[in-house]
N, C-alpha and C. Protein backbone atom coordinates (compact mmCIF):
# COMPACT_ATOMS: atom_id res chain seq x y z
N MET A 1 70.82 -123.12 -44.82
CA MET A 1 70.39 -121.95 -44.60
C MET A 1 69.33 -121.88 -43.63
N ILE A 2 69.30 -120.91 -42.90
CA ILE A 2 68.11 -120.55 -41.66
C ILE A 2 67.16 -120.34 -42.66
N PRO A 3 65.61 -120.25 -42.23
CA PRO A 3 64.54 -119.94 -43.10
C PRO A 3 64.72 -118.55 -43.23
N PHE A 4 64.93 -117.63 -42.23
CA PHE A 4 64.72 -116.24 -42.38
C PHE A 4 65.74 -115.77 -43.08
N PHE A 5 66.75 -116.06 -43.41
CA PHE A 5 67.87 -115.89 -44.60
C PHE A 5 67.59 -116.34 -45.73
N VAL A 6 66.90 -117.65 -45.92
CA VAL A 6 66.25 -117.80 -47.14
C VAL A 6 65.49 -116.98 -47.65
N GLU A 7 64.26 -116.38 -46.89
CA GLU A 7 63.65 -115.57 -47.23
C GLU A 7 64.10 -114.23 -47.84
N LEU A 8 64.87 -113.64 -46.91
CA LEU A 8 65.78 -112.55 -47.17
C LEU A 8 66.53 -112.44 -48.53
N LEU A 9 67.13 -113.59 -48.63
CA LEU A 9 67.70 -113.85 -50.25
C LEU A 9 66.70 -114.04 -51.36
N VAL A 10 65.73 -114.72 -50.82
CA VAL A 10 64.45 -114.75 -52.01
C VAL A 10 63.96 -113.14 -52.41
N ARG A 11 63.87 -112.35 -51.25
CA ARG A 11 63.68 -110.99 -51.57
C ARG A 11 64.33 -110.41 -52.21
N PHE A 12 65.91 -110.24 -52.19
CA PHE A 12 66.96 -109.77 -52.86
C PHE A 12 66.75 -110.30 -54.31
N ARG A 13 66.53 -111.43 -54.63
CA ARG A 13 66.58 -112.22 -55.74
C ARG A 13 65.17 -111.65 -56.64
N GLU A 14 64.32 -111.59 -55.93
CA GLU A 14 63.11 -110.93 -56.42
C GLU A 14 63.20 -109.45 -57.22
N LEU A 15 63.93 -108.59 -56.11
CA LEU A 15 64.19 -107.26 -56.39
C LEU A 15 65.09 -107.30 -57.65
N HIS A 16 66.04 -108.17 -57.57
CA HIS A 16 67.10 -108.30 -58.70
C HIS A 16 66.44 -108.72 -60.19
N ALA A 17 65.50 -109.63 -59.83
CA ALA A 17 64.45 -110.05 -61.32
C ALA A 17 63.54 -108.82 -61.67
N ASP A 18 63.34 -108.22 -61.02
CA ASP A 18 62.42 -106.96 -61.39
C ASP A 18 63.33 -105.90 -62.02
N ILE A 19 64.74 -105.93 -61.74
CA ILE A 19 65.61 -104.88 -62.24
C ILE A 19 65.78 -105.42 -63.88
N GLU A 20 66.15 -106.79 -63.75
CA GLU A 20 66.46 -107.33 -64.83
C GLU A 20 65.14 -107.16 -66.07
N LYS A 21 63.76 -107.58 -65.47
CA LYS A 21 62.80 -107.21 -66.16
C LYS A 21 62.77 -105.86 -66.85
N ASN A 22 63.01 -104.86 -66.25
CA ASN A 22 63.16 -103.46 -66.54
C ASN A 22 64.18 -103.44 -67.39
N LEU A 23 65.47 -104.08 -67.39
CA LEU A 23 66.38 -103.84 -68.36
C LEU A 23 66.20 -104.41 -69.73
N ASP A 24 65.72 -105.54 -69.71
CA ASP A 24 65.40 -106.48 -70.68
C ASP A 24 64.89 -105.73 -72.05
N PRO A 25 63.94 -105.15 -72.10
CA PRO A 25 63.20 -104.18 -73.13
C PRO A 25 64.09 -103.17 -73.67
N LEU A 26 65.04 -102.63 -72.90
CA LEU A 26 65.78 -101.35 -73.41
C LEU A 26 66.72 -101.57 -74.18
N PRO A 27 66.91 -100.77 -75.21
CA PRO A 27 68.11 -100.87 -75.88
C PRO A 27 69.45 -100.34 -75.21
N GLN A 28 70.51 -100.70 -75.73
CA GLN A 28 71.85 -100.55 -75.04
C GLN A 28 72.02 -98.98 -74.70
N GLU A 29 71.68 -97.90 -75.49
CA GLU A 29 71.95 -96.69 -75.45
C GLU A 29 71.21 -95.97 -74.44
N ALA A 30 70.17 -96.90 -73.95
CA ALA A 30 69.30 -96.52 -72.54
C ALA A 30 70.12 -96.74 -71.51
N MET A 31 71.16 -97.50 -71.42
CA MET A 31 71.89 -98.12 -70.30
C MET A 31 72.48 -96.69 -69.63
N ASP A 32 72.96 -95.71 -70.37
CA ASP A 32 73.82 -94.75 -69.86
C ASP A 32 73.04 -93.20 -70.07
N TRP A 33 71.68 -93.42 -70.36
CA TRP A 33 70.85 -92.22 -70.48
C TRP A 33 70.34 -91.80 -69.26
N THR A 34 70.36 -90.44 -69.02
CA THR A 34 69.63 -90.06 -67.69
C THR A 34 68.65 -89.20 -68.16
N PRO A 35 67.51 -88.99 -67.30
CA PRO A 35 66.31 -88.57 -67.65
C PRO A 35 66.41 -86.75 -67.54
N GLY A 36 67.49 -86.38 -66.69
CA GLY A 36 67.50 -85.01 -66.44
C GLY A 36 68.80 -84.63 -65.62
N PRO A 37 69.14 -83.36 -65.50
CA PRO A 37 70.40 -83.15 -64.45
C PRO A 37 70.23 -83.74 -63.15
N ASP A 38 71.35 -84.17 -62.65
CA ASP A 38 71.52 -84.59 -61.35
C ASP A 38 70.60 -85.89 -60.84
N MET A 39 70.67 -86.61 -61.95
CA MET A 39 69.75 -88.09 -62.30
C MET A 39 70.63 -89.12 -62.64
N ASN A 40 70.41 -90.18 -62.44
CA ASN A 40 71.37 -91.24 -62.68
C ASN A 40 70.81 -92.02 -63.69
N SER A 41 71.90 -92.70 -64.64
CA SER A 41 71.34 -93.77 -65.35
C SER A 41 71.19 -95.16 -64.85
N VAL A 42 70.56 -95.86 -65.71
CA VAL A 42 70.10 -97.31 -65.33
C VAL A 42 71.67 -97.91 -64.82
N SER A 43 72.54 -97.85 -65.65
CA SER A 43 73.97 -98.35 -65.38
C SER A 43 74.34 -98.26 -64.24
N VAL A 44 74.37 -96.59 -63.93
CA VAL A 44 74.88 -96.34 -62.62
C VAL A 44 74.09 -96.58 -61.37
N LEU A 45 73.06 -96.88 -61.43
CA LEU A 45 72.00 -97.27 -60.53
C LEU A 45 72.13 -98.80 -60.22
N VAL A 46 72.58 -99.45 -61.19
CA VAL A 46 72.61 -101.09 -60.87
C VAL A 46 74.01 -101.11 -60.45
N ILE A 47 74.97 -100.61 -60.94
CA ILE A 47 76.18 -100.70 -60.06
C ILE A 47 76.60 -99.98 -58.63
N HIS A 48 75.63 -99.10 -58.39
CA HIS A 48 75.60 -98.36 -57.02
C HIS A 48 74.90 -99.43 -56.00
N LEU A 49 73.75 -99.92 -56.68
CA LEU A 49 73.06 -100.59 -55.55
C LEU A 49 73.47 -102.01 -55.32
N THR A 50 74.26 -102.75 -56.16
CA THR A 50 75.27 -103.91 -55.84
C THR A 50 76.45 -103.56 -55.14
N GLY A 51 76.87 -102.31 -55.45
CA GLY A 51 78.02 -101.91 -54.52
C GLY A 51 77.66 -101.77 -53.26
N SER A 52 76.48 -101.11 -53.18
CA SER A 52 75.87 -100.91 -51.74
C SER A 52 75.55 -102.39 -51.20
N GLU A 53 74.95 -103.11 -51.59
CA GLU A 53 74.61 -104.37 -51.08
C GLU A 53 75.55 -105.19 -50.52
N ARG A 54 76.79 -105.20 -51.38
CA ARG A 54 78.03 -105.87 -51.11
C ARG A 54 78.74 -105.21 -49.78
N PHE A 55 78.65 -103.74 -49.71
CA PHE A 55 79.14 -103.11 -48.89
C PHE A 55 78.43 -103.54 -47.39
N TRP A 56 77.04 -103.40 -47.51
CA TRP A 56 76.51 -103.50 -45.88
C TRP A 56 76.31 -105.06 -45.81
N VAL A 57 76.20 -106.06 -46.67
CA VAL A 57 76.47 -107.39 -46.36
C VAL A 57 77.81 -107.95 -46.01
N GLY A 58 78.65 -107.49 -46.75
CA GLY A 58 80.14 -107.88 -46.65
C GLY A 58 80.87 -107.06 -45.83
N ASP A 59 80.89 -105.86 -46.16
CA ASP A 59 81.78 -105.00 -45.13
C ASP A 59 81.41 -105.00 -43.64
N VAL A 60 80.03 -104.72 -43.61
CA VAL A 60 79.61 -104.33 -42.35
C VAL A 60 79.07 -105.61 -41.58
N VAL A 61 78.43 -106.54 -42.11
CA VAL A 61 77.56 -107.65 -41.29
C VAL A 61 78.83 -108.77 -41.37
N MET A 62 79.55 -108.80 -42.44
CA MET A 62 80.36 -110.21 -42.42
C MET A 62 81.92 -109.89 -42.30
N GLY A 63 82.40 -108.22 -41.99
CA GLY A 63 83.60 -107.88 -41.89
C GLY A 63 84.50 -108.48 -42.98
N ASP A 64 83.94 -108.42 -44.34
CA ASP A 64 84.72 -108.72 -45.22
C ASP A 64 85.22 -107.57 -46.36
N PRO A 65 85.95 -107.01 -45.96
CA PRO A 65 86.10 -105.46 -47.12
C PRO A 65 86.21 -105.72 -48.46
N SER A 66 85.44 -104.90 -49.12
CA SER A 66 85.20 -104.89 -50.43
C SER A 66 86.15 -104.05 -51.20
N ASN A 67 86.52 -103.24 -50.44
CA ASN A 67 87.50 -101.86 -51.20
C ASN A 67 86.35 -101.07 -51.99
N ARG A 68 85.39 -100.93 -51.63
CA ARG A 68 84.41 -100.27 -52.60
C ARG A 68 84.93 -98.77 -52.54
N VAL A 69 84.60 -98.31 -53.86
CA VAL A 69 84.92 -96.84 -53.84
C VAL A 69 83.44 -96.16 -54.38
N ARG A 70 82.88 -95.81 -53.55
CA ARG A 70 81.54 -95.64 -53.85
C ARG A 70 81.25 -94.39 -54.89
N GLU A 71 82.10 -93.28 -54.77
CA GLU A 71 82.17 -92.18 -55.72
C GLU A 71 82.19 -92.64 -56.98
N ALA A 72 82.99 -93.58 -57.35
CA ALA A 72 83.17 -94.25 -58.60
C ALA A 72 81.92 -95.02 -59.25
N GLU A 73 80.91 -95.37 -58.42
CA GLU A 73 79.84 -95.91 -59.03
C GLU A 73 78.97 -95.16 -59.65
N PHE A 74 79.21 -93.77 -59.40
CA PHE A 74 78.43 -92.89 -59.86
C PHE A 74 78.99 -92.40 -61.23
N GLN A 75 80.10 -92.86 -61.69
CA GLN A 75 80.98 -92.34 -62.96
C GLN A 75 80.82 -93.48 -64.06
N VAL A 76 80.26 -94.75 -63.80
CA VAL A 76 80.19 -95.77 -64.58
C VAL A 76 79.39 -95.28 -66.12
N SER A 77 80.08 -95.74 -67.05
CA SER A 77 79.26 -95.81 -68.48
C SER A 77 79.87 -96.59 -69.23
N GLY A 78 79.12 -96.92 -70.41
CA GLY A 78 79.63 -97.91 -71.19
C GLY A 78 79.39 -99.29 -71.18
N LEU A 79 78.74 -99.60 -69.95
CA LEU A 79 78.34 -100.95 -69.59
C LEU A 79 77.30 -101.64 -70.26
N ASP A 80 77.46 -102.99 -70.86
CA ASP A 80 76.29 -103.55 -71.68
C ASP A 80 75.45 -104.35 -70.53
N LYS A 81 74.31 -104.37 -70.90
CA LYS A 81 73.32 -104.97 -70.21
C LYS A 81 73.77 -106.41 -69.32
N ALA A 82 74.43 -107.27 -70.25
CA ALA A 82 75.21 -108.45 -69.79
C ALA A 82 76.03 -108.21 -68.75
N THR A 83 76.86 -107.23 -68.94
CA THR A 83 77.81 -106.91 -67.49
C THR A 83 77.01 -106.54 -66.60
N LEU A 84 75.97 -105.82 -66.52
CA LEU A 84 75.06 -105.21 -65.47
C LEU A 84 74.22 -106.35 -64.79
N LEU A 85 73.95 -107.49 -65.62
CA LEU A 85 73.15 -108.76 -65.29
C LEU A 85 74.11 -109.43 -64.57
N GLN A 86 75.39 -109.64 -65.06
CA GLN A 86 76.26 -110.37 -64.34
C GLN A 86 76.66 -109.73 -62.98
N ARG A 87 76.79 -108.49 -62.90
CA ARG A 87 76.90 -107.78 -61.60
C ARG A 87 75.92 -108.36 -60.80
N LEU A 88 74.64 -108.34 -60.96
CA LEU A 88 73.27 -108.69 -60.11
C LEU A 88 73.75 -110.21 -59.66
N ARG A 89 74.22 -111.10 -60.61
CA ARG A 89 74.18 -112.52 -60.26
C ARG A 89 75.41 -112.68 -59.41
N GLU A 90 76.43 -111.88 -59.65
CA GLU A 90 77.72 -112.13 -58.59
C GLU A 90 77.36 -111.66 -57.47
N THR A 91 76.56 -110.43 -57.19
CA THR A 91 76.13 -110.09 -55.87
C THR A 91 75.33 -110.89 -55.21
N GLU A 92 74.40 -111.76 -55.99
CA GLU A 92 73.45 -112.53 -55.34
C GLU A 92 74.09 -113.74 -54.78
N ALA A 93 75.49 -114.30 -55.51
CA ALA A 93 76.00 -115.26 -55.18
C ALA A 93 76.99 -115.14 -53.73
N TYR A 94 77.24 -113.78 -53.58
CA TYR A 94 77.92 -113.33 -52.35
C TYR A 94 76.90 -113.23 -51.41
N LEU A 95 75.67 -112.82 -51.45
CA LEU A 95 74.65 -112.80 -50.60
C LEU A 95 74.39 -114.14 -50.02
N THR A 96 74.63 -115.01 -51.01
CA THR A 96 74.01 -116.51 -50.84
C THR A 96 75.13 -117.04 -49.67
N THR A 97 76.53 -117.14 -49.93
CA THR A 97 77.56 -117.54 -49.28
C THR A 97 77.36 -116.71 -47.92
N ALA A 98 77.05 -115.49 -47.64
CA ALA A 98 77.01 -114.77 -46.59
C ALA A 98 75.81 -115.30 -45.64
N PHE A 99 74.77 -115.24 -46.18
CA PHE A 99 73.61 -115.37 -45.49
C PHE A 99 73.70 -116.95 -45.02
N ASP A 100 74.27 -117.89 -45.62
CA ASP A 100 74.51 -119.26 -45.21
C ASP A 100 75.31 -119.25 -44.09
N LYS A 101 76.21 -118.40 -43.82
CA LYS A 101 77.09 -118.36 -42.53
C LYS A 101 76.36 -117.68 -41.41
N LEU A 102 75.08 -116.89 -41.31
CA LEU A 102 74.61 -116.37 -40.43
C LEU A 102 73.70 -116.95 -39.52
N LYS A 103 73.55 -116.67 -38.31
CA LYS A 103 72.58 -117.43 -37.40
C LYS A 103 71.48 -116.33 -36.90
N LEU A 104 70.33 -116.72 -36.23
CA LEU A 104 69.48 -115.73 -36.00
C LEU A 104 69.93 -114.79 -34.93
N THR A 105 70.80 -115.37 -34.05
CA THR A 105 71.20 -114.64 -32.94
C THR A 105 72.25 -113.64 -33.30
N ASP A 106 72.68 -113.56 -34.65
CA ASP A 106 73.70 -112.61 -35.34
C ASP A 106 72.69 -111.47 -35.50
N LEU A 107 71.50 -111.53 -35.60
CA LEU A 107 70.50 -110.21 -36.05
C LEU A 107 70.78 -109.10 -34.98
N GLU A 108 70.84 -109.57 -33.69
CA GLU A 108 70.99 -108.78 -32.47
C GLU A 108 72.29 -108.34 -32.31
N THR A 109 73.39 -108.62 -32.86
CA THR A 109 74.51 -108.15 -32.55
C THR A 109 74.87 -106.76 -33.36
N THR A 110 75.81 -105.92 -32.79
CA THR A 110 76.24 -105.05 -33.55
C THR A 110 77.53 -104.98 -34.23
N ARG A 111 77.55 -104.23 -35.22
CA ARG A 111 78.80 -103.92 -35.96
C ARG A 111 79.04 -102.56 -36.26
N ILE A 112 80.39 -102.30 -36.38
CA ILE A 112 80.69 -100.78 -36.41
C ILE A 112 80.90 -100.61 -38.09
N HIS A 113 80.15 -99.33 -38.53
CA HIS A 113 80.18 -99.03 -39.75
C HIS A 113 81.80 -98.97 -40.01
N PRO A 114 82.20 -99.48 -41.19
CA PRO A 114 83.81 -99.31 -41.29
C PRO A 114 84.56 -97.98 -41.77
N LEU A 115 83.52 -97.06 -42.36
CA LEU A 115 84.07 -95.76 -42.87
C LEU A 115 83.70 -94.70 -42.05
N ARG A 116 82.37 -94.83 -41.22
CA ARG A 116 82.01 -93.82 -40.51
C ARG A 116 81.95 -93.77 -39.00
N GLY A 117 82.13 -95.24 -38.58
CA GLY A 117 82.32 -95.29 -37.37
C GLY A 117 81.33 -95.38 -36.35
N TYR A 118 80.07 -95.54 -36.83
CA TYR A 118 78.75 -95.43 -35.87
C TYR A 118 78.43 -97.06 -35.95
N GLU A 119 77.53 -97.51 -34.79
CA GLU A 119 77.36 -98.71 -34.55
C GLU A 119 75.71 -98.85 -35.20
N VAL A 120 75.57 -100.01 -35.84
CA VAL A 120 74.43 -100.71 -36.17
C VAL A 120 74.15 -102.18 -36.13
N THR A 121 73.29 -102.64 -35.55
CA THR A 121 72.84 -104.01 -35.40
C THR A 121 73.00 -104.81 -36.90
N VAL A 122 73.21 -106.11 -36.98
CA VAL A 122 73.07 -106.98 -38.01
C VAL A 122 71.54 -106.80 -38.92
N ALA A 123 70.65 -106.66 -38.09
CA ALA A 123 69.39 -106.58 -38.51
C ALA A 123 68.95 -105.33 -39.15
N TRP A 124 69.67 -104.33 -38.74
CA TRP A 124 69.53 -103.09 -39.49
C TRP A 124 70.40 -102.92 -40.70
N ALA A 125 71.43 -103.65 -40.67
CA ALA A 125 72.21 -103.41 -41.88
C ALA A 125 71.78 -104.31 -43.14
N LEU A 126 70.96 -105.38 -42.50
CA LEU A 126 70.44 -106.16 -43.59
C LEU A 126 69.20 -105.58 -44.33
N MET A 127 68.40 -105.03 -43.34
CA MET A 127 67.26 -104.37 -43.64
C MET A 127 67.35 -103.06 -44.62
N HIS A 128 68.52 -102.25 -44.01
CA HIS A 128 69.07 -101.16 -44.75
C HIS A 128 69.34 -101.67 -46.53
N ALA A 129 70.12 -102.72 -46.40
CA ALA A 129 70.61 -102.90 -47.81
C ALA A 129 69.19 -103.33 -48.75
N LEU A 130 68.30 -104.18 -48.09
CA LEU A 130 67.17 -104.46 -48.93
C LEU A 130 66.37 -103.32 -49.09
N GLU A 131 66.26 -102.48 -48.12
CA GLU A 131 65.44 -101.08 -48.49
C GLU A 131 65.92 -100.16 -49.38
N HIS A 132 67.20 -100.08 -49.57
CA HIS A 132 68.18 -99.28 -50.35
C HIS A 132 67.72 -99.98 -51.98
N THR A 133 68.23 -101.24 -52.09
CA THR A 133 68.02 -101.88 -53.42
C THR A 133 66.52 -101.63 -53.70
N GLY A 134 65.33 -101.71 -53.04
CA GLY A 134 64.11 -101.38 -53.45
C GLY A 134 63.78 -100.00 -53.85
N ILE A 135 64.40 -98.87 -53.19
CA ILE A 135 64.32 -97.74 -53.68
C ILE A 135 64.93 -97.52 -55.00
N HIS A 136 66.00 -98.07 -55.35
CA HIS A 136 66.75 -97.90 -56.42
C HIS A 136 66.00 -98.68 -57.57
N LEU A 137 65.34 -99.68 -57.46
CA LEU A 137 64.55 -100.39 -58.34
C LEU A 137 63.54 -99.49 -58.97
N GLY A 138 62.88 -98.74 -57.91
CA GLY A 138 62.07 -97.72 -58.29
C GLY A 138 62.53 -96.57 -59.27
N HIS A 139 63.79 -96.34 -58.65
CA HIS A 139 64.21 -95.28 -59.97
C HIS A 139 64.42 -95.84 -61.23
N ILE A 140 65.05 -97.16 -61.24
CA ILE A 140 65.17 -97.97 -62.60
C ILE A 140 63.93 -97.89 -63.16
N GLU A 141 62.85 -98.19 -62.68
CA GLU A 141 61.42 -98.41 -63.23
C GLU A 141 61.18 -96.95 -63.64
N LEU A 142 61.34 -95.94 -63.15
CA LEU A 142 60.71 -94.60 -63.64
C LEU A 142 61.74 -94.12 -64.85
N THR A 143 63.20 -94.38 -64.65
CA THR A 143 64.15 -94.01 -65.81
C THR A 143 63.70 -94.98 -66.99
N ALA A 144 63.26 -96.12 -66.85
CA ALA A 144 62.80 -96.97 -67.92
C ALA A 144 61.48 -96.43 -68.46
N GLN A 145 60.52 -95.90 -67.93
CA GLN A 145 59.32 -95.43 -68.17
C GLN A 145 59.61 -94.41 -68.95
N LEU A 146 60.61 -93.24 -68.53
CA LEU A 146 60.94 -92.10 -69.14
C LEU A 146 61.38 -92.32 -70.49
N TRP A 147 62.49 -93.58 -70.36
CA TRP A 147 63.08 -93.46 -71.54
C TRP A 147 62.11 -94.19 -72.70
N LYS A 148 60.97 -94.76 -72.41
CA LYS A 148 60.24 -95.33 -73.38
C LYS A 148 59.11 -94.54 -73.89
N GLN A 149 58.92 -93.42 -72.78
CA GLN A 149 57.95 -92.21 -73.14
C GLN A 149 58.63 -91.20 -74.17
N ARG A 150 59.91 -91.33 -73.97
CA ARG A 150 60.69 -90.22 -74.87
C ARG A 150 60.80 -90.73 -76.29
N GLN A 151 60.93 -91.97 -76.17
CA GLN A 151 60.90 -92.90 -77.75
C GLN A 151 59.72 -92.80 -78.46
N GLY A 152 58.45 -92.38 -77.73
CA GLY A 152 57.02 -92.34 -78.20
C GLY A 152 56.70 -93.78 -78.35
């Protein structure tokens, strides 16, 4: 794998590891808890961010349809931590396979968003996927903090 893609994969793995660290001390009931109206649970956030990673890297960059139903990601409940962690690992495995196929020259090429029809570069799609995961890691951290605060 080209060093740039190795580093990108490492960064995704670090974000996933931070997610795992936040989930680890939480009890099962915290997975579906929301801190307030119009806020997402930890389960929703993990399923959504992995769905998004798979979409941007798979559907957009690699042209490999995932048949993602984004709206369904916001309806999940009842998933245990093991399932959420497995989803992170499966997504990392997919990223590893995809990044291994990419070349540096691919970063400059453009792709068409399969649902909305606008054009993005491969570089933009990859950076967007990473940024999006980082944002939702922050949401998971805040949700975990609020859960712990609520519990005393």
